[in-house]
Amino acid sequence: MKARQGTILILKMGSTLPGLRAWKGDFEDWITAGLGAGAPSDVIDVAAGAPLPDPDGHAGVVVTGSHTMVTERRDWSERAADWLREASARDMPVLGICYGHQLLAHAYGGVVGDNPSGREFGTVEVSLNGEARTDTLLAGLPRTVKAHEGHTQSVLQLPGAAVVLASNAHDACQAFRIGQRAWGVQFHPEFDTEIVRTYIDHFRGLLAAEGQDPDALMSAAGDAPQAAGVLGRFARICCGAD
């Protein structure tokens, strides 16, 4: 498929924890690093009210995570949902991460809400299904990969146009695709072990209140290189290399 020209847009839907931001940067910094030096990017701070550009003239878009919930229906979030439908309709490659994953599903009529199993934080196993074996973004990955998680809400019902690509015991929709070039991943390919451990520690009390073991989650946190590689794969799709 012919590559689009221009930079990859990063739609910033919020910021990480203040202390973590001071230490390691913010969502967009981690995503930029994951996309790689050969994939120039521009950051649009949607949550701060920045206007959204015309999708034409850009190679693709990554939608970040957020501490806001999609179900809050913030004006800037709903505006971004409308924009994502338009961008996807113009064949712009889209990758939604966590909040962005949920927002993409919402944009197409899916249902987002609190996960009935509670929060999912830490390094977990995600299982790819048969559809993923022929998917442009996920093909070639092993059937089970380690991935970093940090979310309260999930996609509870996908829109009819979506195809599930991955799941686990906690979340039936860890990844999906709409059309041929729009993806959502509930996991965080931009996180590293230090980031995910910081999130576990920050939410320690809430996790324990739900019957989870924060110390066990901390011990299980580790590298997730295959999930991290999804960002580089997406950059190559945007550039026409895959």
Protein backbone atom coordinates (compact mmCIF):
# COMPACT_ATOMS: atom_id res chain seq x y z
CA MET A 1 0.00 0.00 0.00
CA LYS A 2 1.30 3.45 -0.93
CA ALA A 3 2.83 5.42 1.95
CA ARG A 4 1.40 8.76 2.99
CA GLN A 5 3.74 11.72 3.13
CA GLY A 6 4.58 13.87 6.16
CA THR A 7 5.20 13.43 9.85
CA ILE A 8 3.49 11.06 12.26
CA LEU A 9 1.13 12.97 14.52
CA ILE A 10 1.05 12.17 18.22
CA LEU A 11 -2.27 13.20 19.73
CA LYS A 12 -1.51 13.96 23.37
CA MET A 13 -4.57 13.11 25.44
CA GLY A 14 -3.05 13.84 28.84
CA SER A 15 0.12 13.49 30.89
CA THR A 16 1.70 10.85 33.05
CA LEU A 17 2.28 11.14 36.82
CA PRO A 18 4.08 14.42 37.67
CA GLY A 19 7.05 12.76 39.37
CA LEU A 20 7.45 10.27 36.56
CA ARG A 21 7.25 13.06 33.98
CA ALA A 22 10.05 14.95 35.75
CA TRP A 23 12.17 11.78 35.82
CA LYS A 24 11.55 10.13 32.44
CA GLY A 25 9.48 12.48 30.28
CA ASP A 26 5.89 12.14 29.16
CA PHE A 27 3.78 9.83 26.98
CA GLU A 28 4.76 11.57 23.77
CA ASP A 29 8.48 11.32 24.57
CA TRP A 30 8.27 7.56 25.08
CA ILE A 31 6.22 7.13 21.91
CA THR A 32 8.65 9.22 19.88
CA ALA A 33 11.52 7.03 21.08
CA GLY A 34 9.59 3.89 20.18
CA LEU A 35 8.77 5.10 16.67
CA GLY A 36 12.47 5.56 16.01
CA ALA A 37 14.71 8.26 14.59
CA GLY A 38 13.57 7.58 11.04
CA ALA A 39 9.96 8.52 11.82
CA PRO A 40 9.68 12.28 12.43
CA SER A 41 6.70 13.23 14.58
CA ASP A 42 4.69 16.26 15.68
CA VAL A 43 2.83 16.48 19.00
CA ILE A 44 -0.68 17.96 19.17
CA ASP A 45 -1.78 18.60 22.77
CA VAL A 46 -5.47 17.83 22.27
CA ALA A 47 -6.23 17.77 26.01
CA ALA A 48 -4.91 21.33 26.28
CA GLY A 49 -7.23 22.51 23.51
CA ALA A 50 -4.84 22.51 20.54
CA PRO A 51 -6.68 22.40 17.19
CA LEU A 52 -6.54 19.22 15.16
CA PRO A 53 -4.99 19.51 11.71
CA ASP A 54 -6.28 18.25 8.40
CA PRO A 55 -5.30 14.55 8.25
CA ASP A 56 -3.97 14.97 4.73
CA GLY A 57 -0.27 15.68 4.65
CA HIS A 58 0.53 13.39 7.58
CA ALA A 59 1.92 9.87 7.47
CA GLY A 60 -0.06 8.51 10.41
CA VAL A 61 -1.26 9.20 13.95
CA VAL A 62 -0.63 7.72 17.40
CA VAL A 63 -3.15 8.51 20.16
CA THR A 64 -1.64 8.48 23.66
CA GLY A 65 -2.93 7.21 26.95
CA SER A 66 -4.52 9.50 29.53
CA HIS A 67 -5.57 9.61 33.17
CA THR A 68 -8.92 10.94 31.95
CA MET A 69 -11.62 8.36 31.24
CA VAL A 70 -13.25 8.09 27.81
CA THR A 71 -16.62 7.85 29.59
CA GLU A 72 -16.17 11.41 30.89
CA ARG A 73 -16.95 12.57 27.34
CA ARG A 74 -14.73 15.64 27.53
CA ASP A 75 -15.29 18.07 24.64
CA TRP A 76 -11.69 17.73 23.44
CA SER A 77 -11.98 13.94 23.57
CA GLU A 78 -15.21 13.82 21.58
CA ARG A 79 -13.67 16.19 19.05
CA ALA A 80 -10.69 13.83 18.71
CA ALA A 81 -13.05 10.85 18.24
CA ASP A 82 -14.73 12.60 15.31
CA TRP A 83 -11.31 13.45 13.87
CA LEU A 84 -10.13 9.83 14.15
CA ARG A 85 -13.12 8.60 12.13
CA GLU A 86 -12.29 11.11 9.42
CA ALA A 87 -8.58 10.29 9.45
CA SER A 88 -9.28 6.57 9.20
CA ALA A 89 -11.75 7.13 6.37
CA ARG A 90 -8.95 8.89 4.47
CA ASP A 91 -6.75 5.79 4.86
CA MET A 92 -4.47 7.40 7.44
CA PRO A 93 -2.74 4.77 9.62
CA VAL A 94 -4.02 5.07 13.20
CA LEU A 95 -2.64 3.55 16.39
CA GLY A 96 -4.54 4.13 19.62
CA ILE A 97 -2.78 3.23 22.88
CA CYS A 98 -4.80 2.53 26.07
CA TYR A 99 -7.04 5.64 26.17
CA GLY A 100 -6.47 5.97 22.43
CA HIS A 101 -7.51 2.32 21.96
CA GLN A 102 -10.72 2.94 23.87
CA LEU A 103 -11.37 6.26 22.10
CA LEU A 104 -11.03 4.64 18.67
CA ALA A 105 -13.59 1.98 19.65
CA HIS A 106 -15.90 4.69 21.03
CA ALA A 107 -15.51 6.74 17.85
CA TYR A 108 -16.96 3.89 15.82
CA GLY A 109 -19.82 3.13 18.22
CA GLY A 110 -18.21 0.68 20.64
CA VAL A 111 -18.85 0.63 24.39
CA VAL A 112 -16.16 1.66 26.90
CA GLY A 113 -16.47 1.34 30.68
CA ASP A 114 -14.87 0.16 33.90
CA ASN A 115 -13.41 -3.31 33.54
CA PRO A 116 -15.48 -5.64 35.76
CA SER A 117 -12.28 -7.44 36.79
CA GLY A 118 -10.81 -4.20 38.15
CA ARG A 119 -7.57 -2.49 37.29
CA GLU A 120 -4.89 -4.15 35.18
CA PHE A 121 -1.38 -2.98 36.03
CA GLY A 122 1.97 -4.60 35.48
CA THR A 123 3.68 -6.83 32.94
CA VAL A 124 1.19 -9.43 31.74
CA GLU A 125 0.76 -12.04 29.03
CA VAL A 126 -1.34 -11.14 26.00
CA SER A 127 -2.49 -13.83 23.57
CA LEU A 128 -2.73 -13.10 19.84
CA ASN A 129 -5.45 -14.90 17.91
CA GLY A 130 -5.59 -16.31 14.39
CA GLU A 131 -6.58 -12.97 12.88
CA ALA A 132 -3.33 -11.46 14.19
CA ARG A 133 -1.23 -13.91 12.16
CA THR A 134 -2.15 -12.09 8.95
CA ASP A 135 -2.44 -8.60 10.42
CA THR A 136 -0.03 -6.01 9.03
CA LEU A 137 0.89 -4.68 12.48
CA LEU A 138 1.06 -7.89 14.52
CA ALA A 139 1.98 -10.64 12.03
CA GLY A 140 5.13 -12.52 12.98
CA LEU A 141 4.79 -12.02 16.73
CA PRO A 142 4.56 -15.16 18.85
CA ARG A 143 1.17 -16.33 19.97
CA THR A 144 1.79 -15.01 23.50
CA VAL A 145 3.75 -11.86 24.29
CA LYS A 146 4.59 -9.94 27.44
CA ALA A 147 3.10 -6.44 27.57
CA HIS A 148 2.89 -3.55 30.02
CA GLU A 149 -0.54 -2.52 31.27
CA GLY A 150 -1.97 0.35 33.25
CA HIS A 151 -5.73 0.85 32.92
CA THR A 152 -9.07 0.91 34.73
CA GLN A 153 -11.45 1.06 31.78
CA SER A 154 -11.62 -1.26 28.80
CA VAL A 155 -13.45 -1.75 25.54
CA LEU A 156 -16.48 -3.72 26.73
CA GLN A 157 -18.12 -3.99 23.33
CA LEU A 158 -16.41 -3.46 20.01
CA PRO A 159 -18.11 -1.74 17.08
CA GLY A 160 -19.33 -4.11 14.39
CA ALA A 161 -16.58 -3.04 11.99
CA ALA A 162 -13.78 -4.12 14.36
CA VAL A 163 -11.78 -7.35 14.40
CA VAL A 164 -10.30 -8.58 17.70
CA LEU A 165 -6.59 -9.41 17.42
CA ALA A 166 -5.51 -10.15 21.00
CA SER A 167 -6.91 -10.79 24.47
CA ASN A 168 -6.06 -12.18 27.91
CA ALA A 169 -7.92 -13.40 30.99
CA HIS A 170 -8.38 -9.85 32.26
CA ASP A 171 -9.48 -8.16 29.06
CA ALA A 172 -11.21 -9.75 26.07
CA CYS A 173 -9.97 -6.97 23.79
CA GLN A 174 -6.26 -6.25 24.14
CA ALA A 175 -5.96 -5.30 20.47
CA PHE A 176 -8.29 -4.74 17.54
CA ARG A 177 -8.31 -3.41 13.99
CA ILE A 178 -10.86 -1.41 12.05
CA GLY A 179 -10.49 -1.58 8.29
CA GLN A 180 -6.93 -2.27 7.21
CA ARG A 181 -4.96 0.57 8.84
CA ALA A 182 -6.56 1.56 12.18
CA TRP A 183 -5.49 -0.29 15.33
CA GLY A 184 -6.11 -0.06 19.04
CA VAL A 185 -3.91 -1.71 21.66
CA GLN A 186 -4.92 -1.70 25.32
CA PHE A 187 -1.35 -2.37 26.42
CA HIS A 188 1.41 0.25 26.48
CA PRO A 189 4.20 -0.44 23.94
CA GLU A 190 5.86 2.83 25.04
CA PHE A 191 6.28 1.77 28.70
CA ASP A 192 9.47 0.25 30.09
CA THR A 193 9.95 -1.69 33.32
CA GLU A 194 10.70 1.41 35.40
CA ILE A 195 7.55 3.13 34.16
CA VAL A 196 5.24 0.19 34.83
CA ARG A 197 6.70 -0.33 38.30
CA THR A 198 6.13 3.35 39.09
CA TYR A 199 2.49 2.97 38.13
CA ILE A 200 2.07 -0.15 40.26
CA ASP A 201 3.57 1.64 43.24
CA HIS A 202 1.42 4.74 42.71
CA PHE A 203 -1.81 2.69 42.58
CA ARG A 204 -0.69 0.24 45.27
CA GLY A 205 -3.54 1.07 47.68
CA LEU A 206 -6.28 0.78 45.06
CA LEU A 207 -4.86 -2.47 43.70
CA ALA A 208 -4.71 -3.97 47.20
CA ALA A 209 -8.29 -2.83 47.88
CA GLU A 210 -9.38 -4.85 44.84
CA GLY A 211 -7.67 -7.95 46.19
CA GLN A 212 -4.56 -7.73 44.02
CA ASP A 213 -1.02 -8.15 45.33
CA PRO A 214 1.08 -5.09 44.44
CA ASP A 215 4.30 -6.74 45.62
CA ALA A 216 3.70 -9.70 43.32
CA LEU A 217 2.96 -7.33 40.46
CA MET A 218 6.21 -5.48 41.15
CA SER A 219 8.17 -8.74 41.16
CA ALA A 220 6.58 -9.87 37.88
CA ALA A 221 7.30 -6.57 36.10
CA GLY A 222 9.97 -6.98 33.46
CA ASP A 223 10.97 -6.32 29.88
CA ALA A 224 8.38 -6.56 27.09
CA PRO A 225 10.43 -6.10 23.91
CA GLN A 226 7.99 -7.71 21.49
CA ALA A 227 5.10 -5.49 22.57
CA ALA A 228 7.44 -2.49 22.52
CA GLY A 229 8.30 -3.30 18.92
CA VAL A 230 4.73 -2.51 17.84
CA LEU A 231 5.64 1.19 17.69
CA GLY A 232 8.51 0.60 15.28
CA ARG A 233 6.28 -1.64 13.17
CA PHE A 234 3.66 1.09 13.02
CA ALA A 235 6.28 3.64 11.95
CA ARG A 236 7.33 1.35 9.10
CA ILE A 237 3.69 1.03 7.99
CA CYS A 238 3.40 4.81 7.93
CA CYS A 239 6.60 5.07 5.90
CA GLY A 240 5.54 2.33 3.49
CA ALA A 241 8.30 -0.05 4.56
CA ASP A 242 5.83 -2.77 5.67
